[in-house]
PDB file of N, CA and C in Angstrom:
ATOM      1  N   UNK A   1     -91.544  45.597 -10.574  1.00  0.00           N
ATOM      2  CA  UNK A   1     -90.382  44.811 -10.255  1.00  0.00           C
ATOM      3  C   UNK A   1     -89.691  45.323  -8.987  1.00  0.00           C
ATOM      4  N   UNK A   2     -89.684  46.642  -8.814  1.00  0.00           N
ATOM      5  CA  UNK A   2     -89.048  47.223  -7.638  1.00  0.00           C
ATOM      6  C   UNK A   2     -89.782  46.796  -6.363  1.00  0.00           C
ATOM      7  N   UNK A   3     -91.108  46.676  -6.442  1.00  0.00           N
ATOM      8  CA  UNK A   3     -91.873  46.260  -5.269  1.00  0.00           C
ATOM      9  C   UNK A   3     -91.504  44.846  -4.836  1.00  0.00           C
ATOM     10  N   UNK A   4     -91.241  43.968  -5.786  1.00  0.00           N
ATOM     11  CA  UNK A   4     -90.863  42.591  -5.460  1.00  0.00           C
ATOM     12  C   UNK A   4     -89.546  42.581  -4.696  1.00  0.00           C
ATOM     13  N   UNK A   5     -88.568  43.354  -5.167  1.00  0.00           N
ATOM     14  CA  UNK A   5     -87.286  43.378  -4.482  1.00  0.00           C
ATOM     15  C   UNK A   5     -87.351  44.130  -3.160  1.00  0.00           C
ATOM     16  N   UNK A   6     -88.264  45.093  -3.034  1.00  0.00           N
ATOM     17  CA  UNK A   6     -88.461  45.749  -1.740  1.00  0.00           C
ATOM     18  C   UNK A   6     -89.022  44.753  -0.730  1.00  0.00           C
ATOM     19  N   UNK A   7     -89.983  43.955  -1.160  1.00  0.00           N
ATOM     20  CA  UNK A   7     -90.536  42.919  -0.287  1.00  0.00           C
ATOM     21  C   UNK A   7     -89.469  41.898   0.069  1.00  0.00           C
ATOM     22  N   UNK A   8     -88.650  41.495  -0.902  1.00  0.00           N
ATOM     23  CA  UNK A   8     -87.556  40.555  -0.625  1.00  0.00           C
ATOM     24  C   UNK A   8     -86.551  41.141   0.363  1.00  0.00           C
ATOM     25  N   UNK A   9     -86.253  42.418   0.241  1.00  0.00           N
ATOM     26  CA  UNK A   9     -85.299  43.061   1.134  1.00  0.00           C
ATOM     27  C   UNK A   9     -85.792  43.010   2.574  1.00  0.00           C
ATOM     28  N   UNK A  10     -87.029  43.436   2.798  1.00  0.00           N
ATOM     29  CA  UNK A  10     -87.549  43.465   4.160  1.00  0.00           C
ATOM     30  C   UNK A  10     -87.839  42.061   4.691  1.00  0.00           C
ATOM     31  N   UNK A  11     -88.184  41.141   3.805  1.00  0.00           N
ATOM     32  CA  UNK A  11     -88.348  39.751   4.224  1.00  0.00           C
ATOM     33  C   UNK A  11     -87.005  39.166   4.652  1.00  0.00           C
ATOM     34  N   UNK A  12     -85.952  39.455   3.905  1.00  0.00           N
ATOM     35  CA  UNK A  12     -84.618  38.983   4.271  1.00  0.00           C
ATOM     36  C   UNK A  12     -84.165  39.536   5.608  1.00  0.00           C
ATOM     37  N   UNK A  13     -84.377  40.847   5.819  1.00  0.00           N
ATOM     38  CA  UNK A  13     -84.027  41.431   7.114  1.00  0.00           C
ATOM     39  C   UNK A  13     -84.870  40.832   8.235  1.00  0.00           C
ATOM     40  N   UNK A  14     -86.131  40.539   7.931  1.00  0.00           N
ATOM     41  CA  UNK A  14     -86.998  39.888   8.919  1.00  0.00           C
ATOM     42  C   UNK A  14     -86.528  38.485   9.264  1.00  0.00           C
ATOM     43  N   UNK A  15     -86.053  37.746   8.258  1.00  0.00           N
ATOM     44  CA  UNK A  15     -85.532  36.398   8.517  1.00  0.00           C
ATOM     45  C   UNK A  15     -84.281  36.446   9.388  1.00  0.00           C
ATOM     46  N   UNK A  16     -83.401  37.409   9.128  1.00  0.00           N
ATOM     47  CA  UNK A  16     -82.201  37.542   9.951  1.00  0.00           C
ATOM     48  C   UNK A  16     -82.599  37.890  11.383  1.00  0.00           C
ATOM     49  N   UNK A  17     -83.569  38.784  11.544  1.00  0.00           N
ATOM     50  CA  UNK A  17     -84.068  39.137  12.873  1.00  0.00           C
ATOM     51  C   UNK A  17     -84.738  37.943  13.549  1.00  0.00           C
ATOM     52  N   UNK A  18     -85.527  37.188  12.804  1.00  0.00           N
ATOM     53  CA  UNK A  18     -86.189  36.002  13.350  1.00  0.00           C
ATOM     54  C   UNK A  18     -85.169  34.971  13.822  1.00  0.00           C
ATOM     55  N   UNK A  19     -84.117  34.769  13.058  1.00  0.00           N
ATOM     56  CA  UNK A  19     -83.059  33.845  13.459  1.00  0.00           C
ATOM     57  C   UNK A  19     -82.368  34.338  14.724  1.00  0.00           C
ATOM     58  N   UNK A  20     -82.123  35.651  14.823  1.00  0.00           N
ATOM     59  CA  UNK A  20     -81.493  36.204  16.013  1.00  0.00           C
ATOM     60  C   UNK A  20     -82.378  36.015  17.233  1.00  0.00           C
ATOM     61  N   UNK A  21     -83.670  36.286  17.092  1.00  0.00           N
ATOM     62  CA  UNK A  21     -84.587  36.124  18.221  1.00  0.00           C
ATOM     63  C   UNK A  21     -84.725  34.665  18.634  1.00  0.00           C
ATOM     64  N   UNK A  22     -84.701  33.750  17.666  1.00  0.00           N
ATOM     65  CA  UNK A  22     -84.746  32.328  17.983  1.00  0.00           C
ATOM     66  C   UNK A  22     -83.507  31.910  18.777  1.00  0.00           C
ATOM     67  N   UNK A  23     -82.335  32.376  18.326  1.00  0.00           N
ATOM     68  CA  UNK A  23     -81.113  32.055  19.051  1.00  0.00           C
ATOM     69  C   UNK A  23     -81.115  32.695  20.432  1.00  0.00           C
ATOM     70  N   UNK A  24     -81.684  33.885  20.541  1.00  0.00           N
ATOM     71  CA  UNK A  24     -81.786  34.548  21.833  1.00  0.00           C
ATOM     72  C   UNK A  24     -82.690  33.765  22.773  1.00  0.00           C
ATOM     73  N   UNK A  25     -83.805  33.277  22.249  1.00  0.00           N
ATOM     74  CA  UNK A  25     -84.738  32.495  23.059  1.00  0.00           C
ATOM     75  C   UNK A  25     -84.118  31.171  23.493  1.00  0.00           C
ATOM     76  N   UNK A  26     -83.360  30.545  22.604  1.00  0.00           N
ATOM     77  CA  UNK A  26     -82.717  29.266  22.921  1.00  0.00           C
ATOM     78  C   UNK A  26     -81.397  29.473  23.676  1.00  0.00           C
ATOM     79  N   UNK A  27     -80.989  30.738  23.851  1.00  0.00           N
ATOM     80  CA  UNK A  27     -79.775  31.114  24.571  1.00  0.00           C
ATOM     81  C   UNK A  27     -78.521  30.511  23.944  1.00  0.00           C
ATOM     82  N   UNK A  28     -78.483  30.520  22.635  1.00  0.00           N
ATOM     83  CA  UNK A  28     -77.325  30.046  21.877  1.00  0.00           C
ATOM     84  C   UNK A  28     -76.921  31.104  20.866  1.00  0.00           C
ATOM     85  N   UNK A  29     -76.678  32.317  21.319  1.00  0.00           N
ATOM     86  CA  UNK A  29     -76.333  33.384  20.389  1.00  0.00           C
ATOM     87  C   UNK A  29     -74.915  33.159  19.892  1.00  0.00           C
ATOM     88  N   UNK A  30     -74.808  32.869  18.616  1.00  0.00           N
ATOM     89  CA  UNK A  30     -73.510  32.601  18.010  1.00  0.00           C
ATOM     90  C   UNK A  30     -73.550  33.037  16.555  1.00  0.00           C
ATOM     91  N   UNK A  31     -72.473  33.648  16.112  1.00  0.00           N
ATOM     92  CA  UNK A  31     -72.380  34.052  14.710  1.00  0.00           C
ATOM     93  C   UNK A  31     -71.986  32.865  13.833  1.00  0.00           C
ATOM     94  N   UNK A  32     -71.634  31.744  14.459  1.00  0.00           N
ATOM     95  CA  UNK A  32     -71.170  30.590  13.688  1.00  0.00           C
ATOM     96  C   UNK A  32     -72.289  29.633  13.314  1.00  0.00           C
ATOM     97  N   UNK A  33     -73.424  29.730  13.979  1.00  0.00           N
ATOM     98  CA  UNK A  33     -74.497  28.787  13.681  1.00  0.00           C
ATOM     99  C   UNK A  33     -75.243  29.238  12.429  1.00  0.00           C
ATOM    100  N   UNK A  34     -75.436  28.312  11.518  1.00  0.00           N
ATOM    101  CA  UNK A  34     -76.139  28.594  10.279  1.00  0.00           C
ATOM    102  C   UNK A  34     -77.417  27.786  10.245  1.00  0.00           C
ATOM    103  N   UNK A  35     -78.494  28.411   9.860  1.00  0.00           N
ATOM    104  CA  UNK A  35     -79.764  27.723   9.706  1.00  0.00           C
ATOM    105  C   UNK A  35     -80.363  28.115   8.364  1.00  0.00           C
ATOM    106  N   UNK A  36     -81.386  27.409   7.974  1.00  0.00           N
ATOM    107  CA  UNK A  36     -82.045  27.702   6.697  1.00  0.00           C
ATOM    108  C   UNK A  36     -82.638  29.105   6.718  1.00  0.00           C
ATOM    109  N   UNK A  37     -83.200  29.507   7.842  1.00  0.00           N
ATOM    110  CA  UNK A  37     -83.811  30.838   7.946  1.00  0.00           C
ATOM    111  C   UNK A  37     -82.744  31.918   7.783  1.00  0.00           C
ATOM    112  N   UNK A  38     -81.596  31.739   8.415  1.00  0.00           N
ATOM    113  CA  UNK A  38     -80.523  32.728   8.307  1.00  0.00           C
ATOM    114  C   UNK A  38     -79.981  32.792   6.881  1.00  0.00           C
ATOM    115  N   UNK A  39     -79.795  31.649   6.268  1.00  0.00           N
ATOM    116  CA  UNK A  39     -79.282  31.616   4.892  1.00  0.00           C
ATOM    117  C   UNK A  39     -80.267  32.280   3.934  1.00  0.00           C
ATOM    118  N   UNK A  40     -81.569  31.977   4.084  1.00  0.00           N
ATOM    119  CA  UNK A  40     -82.579  32.620   3.238  1.00  0.00           C
ATOM    120  C   UNK A  40     -82.595  34.130   3.459  1.00  0.00           C
ATOM    121  N   UNK A  41     -82.471  34.554   4.700  1.00  0.00           N
ATOM    122  CA  UNK A  41     -82.425  35.987   4.991  1.00  0.00           C
ATOM    123  C   UNK A  41     -81.249  36.661   4.311  1.00  0.00           C
ATOM    124  N   UNK A  42     -80.086  36.015   4.357  1.00  0.00           N
ATOM    125  CA  UNK A  42     -78.912  36.568   3.695  1.00  0.00           C
ATOM    126  C   UNK A  42     -79.114  36.636   2.185  1.00  0.00           C
ATOM    127  N   UNK A  43     -79.624  35.579   1.612  1.00  0.00           N
ATOM    128  CA  UNK A  43     -79.815  35.543   0.153  1.00  0.00           C
ATOM    129  C   UNK A  43     -80.808  36.611  -0.282  1.00  0.00           C
ATOM    130  N   UNK A  44     -81.964  36.697   0.378  1.00  0.00           N
ATOM    131  CA  UNK A  44     -82.976  37.686   0.005  1.00  0.00           C
ATOM    132  C   UNK A  44     -82.431  39.101   0.125  1.00  0.00           C
ATOM    133  N   UNK A  45     -81.743  39.386   1.209  1.00  0.00           N
ATOM    134  CA  UNK A  45     -81.241  40.742   1.431  1.00  0.00           C
ATOM    135  C   UNK A  45     -80.152  41.108   0.426  1.00  0.00           C
ATOM    136  N   UNK A  46     -79.227  40.211   0.191  1.00  0.00           N
ATOM    137  CA  UNK A  46     -78.127  40.509  -0.735  1.00  0.00           C
ATOM    138  C   UNK A  46     -78.638  40.672  -2.164  1.00  0.00           C
ATOM    139  N   UNK A  47     -79.490  39.777  -2.609  1.00  0.00           N
ATOM    140  CA  UNK A  47     -80.001  39.857  -3.985  1.00  0.00           C
ATOM    141  C   UNK A  47     -80.784  41.147  -4.193  1.00  0.00           C
ATOM    142  N   UNK A  48     -81.655  41.480  -3.253  1.00  0.00           N
ATOM    143  CA  UNK A  48     -82.452  42.696  -3.432  1.00  0.00           C
ATOM    144  C   UNK A  48     -81.590  43.955  -3.303  1.00  0.00           C
ATOM    145  N   UNK A  49     -80.591  43.959  -2.416  1.00  0.00           N
ATOM    146  CA  UNK A  49     -79.716  45.128  -2.288  1.00  0.00           C
ATOM    147  C   UNK A  49     -78.896  45.354  -3.545  1.00  0.00           C
ATOM    148  N   UNK A  50     -78.365  44.284  -4.112  1.00  0.00           N
ATOM    149  CA  UNK A  50     -77.604  44.410  -5.356  1.00  0.00           C
ATOM    150  C   UNK A  50     -78.519  44.885  -6.490  1.00  0.00           C
ATOM    151  N   UNK A  51     -79.740  44.380  -6.528  1.00  0.00           N
ATOM    152  CA  UNK A  51     -80.689  44.834  -7.541  1.00  0.00           C
ATOM    153  C   UNK A  51     -80.944  46.332  -7.403  1.00  0.00           C
ATOM    154  N   UNK A  52     -81.136  46.816  -6.159  1.00  0.00           N
ATOM    155  CA  UNK A  52     -81.359  48.250  -5.964  1.00  0.00           C
ATOM    156  C   UNK A  52     -80.158  49.068  -6.414  1.00  0.00           C
ATOM    157  N   UNK A  53     -78.956  48.574  -6.163  1.00  0.00           N
ATOM    158  CA  UNK A  53     -77.758  49.303  -6.581  1.00  0.00           C
ATOM    159  C   UNK A  53     -77.647  49.333  -8.111  1.00  0.00           C
ATOM    160  N   UNK A  54     -78.003  48.226  -8.769  1.00  0.00           N
ATOM    161  CA  UNK A  54     -77.926  48.186 -10.234  1.00  0.00           C
ATOM    162  C   UNK A  54     -79.034  49.007 -10.889  1.00  0.00           C
ATOM    163  N   UNK A  55     -80.193  49.079 -10.258  1.00  0.00           N
ATOM    164  CA  UNK A  55     -81.315  49.792 -10.856  1.00  0.00           C
ATOM    165  C   UNK A  55     -81.209  51.303 -10.704  1.00  0.00           C
ATOM    166  N   UNK A  56     -80.389  51.774  -9.775  1.00  0.00           N
ATOM    167  CA  UNK A  56     -80.299  53.208  -9.521  1.00  0.00           C
ATOM    168  C   UNK A  56     -78.874  53.721  -9.691  1.00  0.00           C
ATOM    169  N   UNK A  57     -78.283  53.551 -10.876  1.00  0.00           N
ATOM    170  CA  UNK A  57     -76.905  54.029 -11.057  1.00  0.00           C
ATOM    171  C   UNK A  57     -76.811  55.556 -11.066  1.00  0.00           C
ATOM    172  N   UNK A  58     -77.928  56.260 -11.243  1.00  0.00           N
ATOM    173  CA  UNK A  58     -77.874  57.715 -11.251  1.00  0.00           C
ATOM    174  C   UNK A  58     -77.679  58.296  -9.851  1.00  0.00           C
ATOM    175  N   UNK A  59     -77.776  57.462  -8.817  1.00  0.00           N
ATOM    176  CA  UNK A  59     -77.497  57.926  -7.457  1.00  0.00           C
ATOM    177  C   UNK A  59     -76.016  58.188  -7.260  1.00  0.00           C
ATOM    178  N   UNK A  60     -75.198  57.577  -8.076  1.00  0.00           N
ATOM    179  CA  UNK A  60     -73.756  57.633  -7.883  1.00  0.00           C
ATOM    180  C   UNK A  60     -73.132  58.447  -9.004  1.00  0.00           C
ATOM    181  N   UNK A  61     -72.187  59.286  -8.641  1.00  0.00           N
ATOM    182  CA  UNK A  61     -71.552  60.167  -9.619  1.00  0.00           C
ATOM    183  C   UNK A  61     -70.235  59.613 -10.139  1.00  0.00           C
ATOM    184  N   UNK A  62     -69.818  58.472  -9.619  1.00  0.00           N
ATOM    185  CA  UNK A  62     -68.564  57.892 -10.079  1.00  0.00           C
ATOM    186  C   UNK A  62     -68.637  56.375  -9.946  1.00  0.00           C
ATOM    187  N   UNK A  63     -67.733  55.708 -10.608  1.00  0.00           N
ATOM    188  CA  UNK A  63     -67.683  54.254 -10.544  1.00  0.00           C
ATOM    189  C   UNK A  63     -67.305  53.778  -9.139  1.00  0.00           C
ATOM    190  N   UNK A  64     -66.476  54.554  -8.427  1.00  0.00           N
ATOM    191  CA  UNK A  64     -66.074  54.180  -7.080  1.00  0.00           C
ATOM    192  C   UNK A  64     -67.273  54.173  -6.127  1.00  0.00           C
ATOM    193  N   UNK A  65     -68.149  55.156  -6.255  1.00  0.00           N
ATOM    194  CA  UNK A  65     -69.348  55.203  -5.419  1.00  0.00           C
ATOM    195  C   UNK A  65     -70.278  54.039  -5.714  1.00  0.00           C
ATOM    196  N   UNK A  66     -70.387  53.693  -6.977  1.00  0.00           N
ATOM    197  CA  UNK A  66     -71.226  52.572  -7.375  1.00  0.00           C
ATOM    198  C   UNK A  66     -70.672  51.257  -6.834  1.00  0.00           C
ATOM    199  N   UNK A  67     -69.361  51.077  -6.930  1.00  0.00           N
ATOM    200  CA  UNK A  67     -68.717  49.869  -6.417  1.00  0.00           C
ATOM    201  C   UNK A  67     -68.874  49.775  -4.904  1.00  0.00           C
ATOM    202  N   UNK A  68     -68.739  50.884  -4.229  1.00  0.00           N
ATOM    203  CA  UNK A  68     -68.914  50.917  -2.778  1.00  0.00           C
ATOM    204  C   UNK A  68     -70.340  50.545  -2.399  1.00  0.00           C
ATOM    205  N   UNK A  69     -71.332  51.009  -3.145  1.00  0.00           N
ATOM    206  CA  UNK A  69     -72.733  50.684  -2.853  1.00  0.00           C
ATOM    207  C   UNK A  69     -72.998  49.199  -3.015  1.00  0.00           C
ATOM    208  N   UNK A  70     -72.428  48.575  -4.030  1.00  0.00           N
ATOM    209  CA  UNK A  70     -72.607  47.135  -4.223  1.00  0.00           C
ATOM    210  C   UNK A  70     -71.942  46.363  -3.086  1.00  0.00           C
ATOM    211  N   UNK A  71     -70.759  46.800  -2.665  1.00  0.00           N
ATOM    212  CA  UNK A  71     -70.070  46.126  -1.554  1.00  0.00           C
ATOM    213  C   UNK A  71     -70.854  46.265  -0.254  1.00  0.00           C
ATOM    214  N   UNK A  72     -71.398  47.445   0.003  1.00  0.00           N
ATOM    215  CA  UNK A  72     -72.213  47.631   1.219  1.00  0.00           C
ATOM    216  C   UNK A  72     -73.476  46.789   1.145  1.00  0.00           C
ATOM    217  N   UNK A  73     -74.047  46.655  -0.037  1.00  0.00           N
ATOM    218  CA  UNK A  73     -75.263  45.847  -0.159  1.00  0.00           C
ATOM    219  C   UNK A  73     -74.991  44.381   0.138  1.00  0.00           C
ATOM    220  N   UNK A  74     -73.795  43.905  -0.181  1.00  0.00           N
ATOM    221  CA  UNK A  74     -73.461  42.514   0.129  1.00  0.00           C
ATOM    222  C   UNK A  74     -73.296  42.296   1.619  1.00  0.00           C
ATOM    223  N   UNK A  75     -72.885  43.324   2.342  1.00  0.00           N
ATOM    224  CA  UNK A  75     -72.646  43.175   3.779  1.00  0.00           C
ATOM    225  C   UNK A  75     -73.841  43.603   4.635  1.00  0.00           C
ATOM    226  N   UNK A  76     -74.952  43.958   4.029  1.00  0.00           N
ATOM    227  CA  UNK A  76     -76.116  44.438   4.775  1.00  0.00           C
ATOM    228  C   UNK A  76     -76.596  43.447   5.846  1.00  0.00           C
ATOM    229  N   UNK A  77     -76.730  42.145   5.570  1.00  0.00           N
ATOM    230  CA  UNK A  77     -77.175  41.231   6.632  1.00  0.00           C
ATOM    231  C   UNK A  77     -76.169  41.121   7.782  1.00  0.00           C
ATOM    232  N   UNK A  78     -74.876  41.187   7.459  1.00  0.00           N
ATOM    233  CA  UNK A  78     -73.856  41.150   8.509  1.00  0.00           C
ATOM    234  C   UNK A  78     -73.948  42.386   9.392  1.00  0.00           C
ATOM    235  N   UNK A  79     -74.200  43.532   8.772  1.00  0.00           N
ATOM    236  CA  UNK A  79     -74.341  44.777   9.523  1.00  0.00           C
ATOM    237  C   UNK A  79     -75.548  44.695  10.449  1.00  0.00           C
ATOM    238  N   UNK A  80     -76.665  44.141   9.952  1.00  0.00           N
ATOM    239  CA  UNK A  80     -77.860  44.008  10.790  1.00  0.00           C
ATOM    240  C   UNK A  80     -77.578  43.111  11.984  1.00  0.00           C
ATOM    241  N   UNK A  81     -76.932  41.969  11.763  1.00  0.00           N
ATOM    242  CA  UNK A  81     -76.628  41.068  12.874  1.00  0.00           C
ATOM    243  C   UNK A  81     -75.669  41.706  13.859  1.00  0.00           C
ATOM    244  N   UNK A  82     -74.690  42.440  13.357  1.00  0.00           N
ATOM    245  CA  UNK A  82     -73.747  43.105  14.238  1.00  0.00           C
ATOM    246  C   UNK A  82     -74.461  44.135  15.120  1.00  0.00           C
ATOM    247  N   UNK A  83     -75.386  44.901  14.531  1.00  0.00           N
ATOM    248  CA  UNK A  83     -76.145  45.880  15.308  1.00  0.00           C
ATOM    249  C   UNK A  83     -77.050  45.205  16.334  1.00  0.00           C
ATOM    250  N   UNK A  84     -77.675  44.084  15.955  1.00  0.00           N
ATOM    251  CA  UNK A  84     -78.507  43.349  16.908  1.00  0.00           C
ATOM    252  C   UNK A  84     -77.679  42.812  18.074  1.00  0.00           C
ATOM    253  N   UNK A  85     -76.517  42.255  17.773  1.00  0.00           N
ATOM    254  CA  UNK A  85     -75.648  41.743  18.834  1.00  0.00           C
ATOM    255  C   UNK A  85     -75.135  42.869  19.729  1.00  0.00           C
ATOM    256  N   UNK A  86     -74.793  43.998  19.139  1.00  0.00           N
ATOM    257  CA  UNK A  86     -74.339  45.142  19.916  1.00  0.00           C
ATOM    258  C   UNK A  86     -75.460  45.655  20.826  1.00  0.00           C
ATOM    259  N   UNK A  87     -76.664  45.758  20.287  1.00  0.00           N
ATOM    260  CA  UNK A  87     -77.801  46.199  21.094  1.00  0.00           C
ATOM    261  C   UNK A  87     -78.122  45.235  22.214  1.00  0.00           C
ATOM    262  N   UNK A  88     -78.068  43.943  21.925  1.00  0.00           N
ATOM    263  CA  UNK A  88     -78.342  42.949  22.958  1.00  0.00           C
ATOM    264  C   UNK A  88     -77.272  42.984  24.045  1.00  0.00           C
ATOM    265  N   UNK A  89     -76.027  43.171  23.649  1.00  0.00           N
ATOM    266  CA  UNK A  89     -74.945  43.252  24.625  1.00  0.00           C
ATOM    267  C   UNK A  89     -75.123  44.469  25.531  1.00  0.00           C
ATOM    268  N   UNK A  90     -75.571  45.584  24.966  1.00  0.00           N
ATOM    269  CA  UNK A  90     -75.798  46.783  25.772  1.00  0.00           C
ATOM    270  C   UNK A  90     -76.977  46.600  26.719  1.00  0.00           C
ATOM    271  N   UNK A  91     -78.010  45.878  26.296  1.00  0.00           N
ATOM    272  CA  UNK A  91     -79.161  45.630  27.171  1.00  0.00           C
ATOM    273  C   UNK A  91     -78.840  44.609  28.254  1.00  0.00           C
ATOM    274  N   UNK A  92     -78.018  43.641  27.914  1.00  0.00           N
ATOM    275  CA  UNK A  92     -77.688  42.571  28.843  1.00  0.00           C
ATOM    276  C   UNK A  92     -76.808  43.079  29.981  1.00  0.00           C
ATOM    277  N   UNK A  93     -75.889  43.959  29.670  1.00  0.00           N
ATOM    278  CA  UNK A  93     -74.980  44.508  30.669  1.00  0.00           C
ATOM    279  C   UNK A  93     -75.164  46.009  30.758  1.00  0.00           C
ATOM    280  N   UNK A  94     -76.150  46.461  31.531  1.00  0.00           N
ATOM    281  CA  UNK A  94     -76.359  47.908  31.622  1.00  0.00           C
ATOM    282  C   UNK A  94     -75.210  48.591  32.366  1.00  0.00           C
ATOM    283  N   UNK A  95     -74.876  49.782  31.934  1.00  0.00           N
ATOM    284  CA  UNK A  95     -73.821  50.575  32.559  1.00  0.00           C
ATOM    285  C   UNK A  95     -74.450  51.464  33.616  1.00  0.00           C
ATOM    286  N   UNK A  96     -73.927  51.401  34.819  1.00  0.00           N
ATOM    287  CA  UNK A  96     -74.450  52.246  35.891  1.00  0.00           C
ATOM    288  C   UNK A  96     -73.414  53.320  36.216  1.00  0.00           C
ATOM    289  N   UNK A  97     -73.867  54.540  36.272  1.00  0.00           N
ATOM    290  CA  UNK A  97     -72.964  55.613  36.654  1.00  0.00           C
ATOM    291  C   UNK A  97     -73.299  56.051  38.071  1.00  0.00           C
ATOM    292  N   UNK A  98     -72.261  56.375  38.813  1.00  0.00           N
ATOM    293  CA  UNK A  98     -72.455  56.760  40.219  1.00  0.00           C
ATOM    294  C   UNK A  98     -72.244  58.243  40.358  1.00  0.00           C
TER     295      UNK A  98
END
């Protein structure tokens, strides 16, 4: 069962990356545009991340740590997109030092 959710997790992250690359190619990078690929990526990543948090409660020594892990798992696709946008912005506008 863990292998299925591991595959779903990486497939979801791949879908989010694929959507980002498609928007990059079409030159319409926007956090507001929603597509089926992006929605599927979010669903796969969130479901598998929450499953991992529920299956491994021994990783956390308190209820607060467990709650924090579930909250981070819900935001995982947003974090990936934010990192991709940050990386693209850094590549697009290189900083030159004199």
